[in-house]
Protein backbone atom coordinates (compact mmCIF):
# COMPACT_ATOMS: atom_id res chain seq x y z
CA MET A 1 -45.61 38.43 -7.96
CA SER A 2 -42.50 36.80 -9.41
CA GLU A 3 -39.98 39.23 -11.77
CA ILE A 4 -40.68 40.40 -15.44
CA SER A 5 -39.03 42.21 -17.65
CA GLU A 6 -38.80 45.75 -17.73
CA LYS A 7 -40.67 46.57 -20.91
CA LEU A 8 -43.36 44.43 -19.77
CA ARG A 9 -43.67 46.72 -15.90
CA GLY A 10 -43.97 49.65 -18.93
CA GLN A 11 -46.87 47.92 -20.54
CA TYR A 12 -48.77 47.32 -17.56
CA GLU A 13 -48.08 50.76 -16.29
CA GLU A 14 -49.63 52.42 -19.89
CA ILE A 15 -52.63 50.71 -19.62
CA ALA A 16 -53.06 50.92 -15.67
CA GLN A 17 -53.02 54.39 -16.37
CA ALA A 18 -55.25 55.07 -19.33
CA ILE A 19 -57.77 52.32 -17.48
CA GLU A 20 -56.90 55.43 -14.30
CA MET A 21 -57.78 58.52 -16.79
CA GLU A 22 -60.68 57.09 -18.57
CA GLY A 23 -62.07 53.88 -17.47
CA LEU A 24 -61.33 50.85 -18.81
CA GLY A 25 -64.55 50.64 -21.23
CA TYR A 26 -63.66 53.42 -23.69
CA ALA A 27 -59.91 52.41 -22.64
CA LEU A 28 -60.56 49.51 -24.30
CA TRP A 29 -63.31 50.43 -27.42
CA PRO A 30 -61.02 49.54 -30.57
CA GLY A 31 -58.68 52.27 -30.91
CA GLY A 32 -58.93 53.59 -28.10
CA TYR A 33 -55.66 53.20 -26.01
CA ILE A 34 -55.13 49.52 -24.48
CA SER A 35 -54.38 47.00 -27.36
CA PRO A 36 -53.49 43.41 -27.06
CA ASP A 37 -50.04 43.15 -28.13
CA THR A 38 -48.61 42.89 -25.14
CA ASP A 39 -45.52 40.57 -24.09
CA ASP A 40 -48.09 38.91 -21.63
CA ASP A 41 -50.26 36.06 -23.58
CA GLU A 42 -52.46 36.13 -20.85
CA LEU A 43 -53.49 39.45 -20.79
CA ASN A 44 -53.45 39.61 -24.96
CA GLU A 45 -56.21 36.95 -24.56
CA ALA A 46 -58.08 39.12 -21.27
CA ILE A 47 -57.45 42.42 -23.74
CA GLU A 48 -59.26 40.52 -27.13
CA LYS A 49 -62.29 38.76 -24.88
CA ALA A 50 -62.95 42.00 -23.32
CA VAL A 51 -63.15 44.28 -26.87
CA GLU A 52 -65.69 41.32 -28.82
CA GLY A 53 -67.75 41.46 -25.01
CA ILE A 54 -68.24 45.59 -25.80
CA ARG A 55 -68.71 44.87 -29.42
CA THR A 56 -71.47 42.39 -28.24
CA ILE A 57 -72.29 45.07 -25.96
CA GLU A 58 -73.45 47.84 -28.14
CA ARG A 59 -75.07 44.36 -31.04
CA ILE A 60 -77.15 44.13 -28.29
CA ILE A 61 -78.50 47.49 -27.57
CA ASP A 62 -77.58 48.91 -30.89
CA PRO A 63 -81.56 49.60 -31.28
CA TYR A 64 -82.64 50.67 -28.32
CA ARG A 65 -79.98 53.57 -28.05
CA ILE A 66 -81.89 57.47 -27.87
């Protein structure tokens, strides 16, 4: 693994902790603990895509909720 800045390492650690404590879906949900504002462009893109995926799932299943 290449060297990363302390700031980026801290961002990774915060995200990892949020996922461990809340689960990935809840941590990603809009307004959750994870947002695409890290110093890692690849991670930001993945977060945006994951949130988009969650929104799509919610839209599709919404009519079938109890």
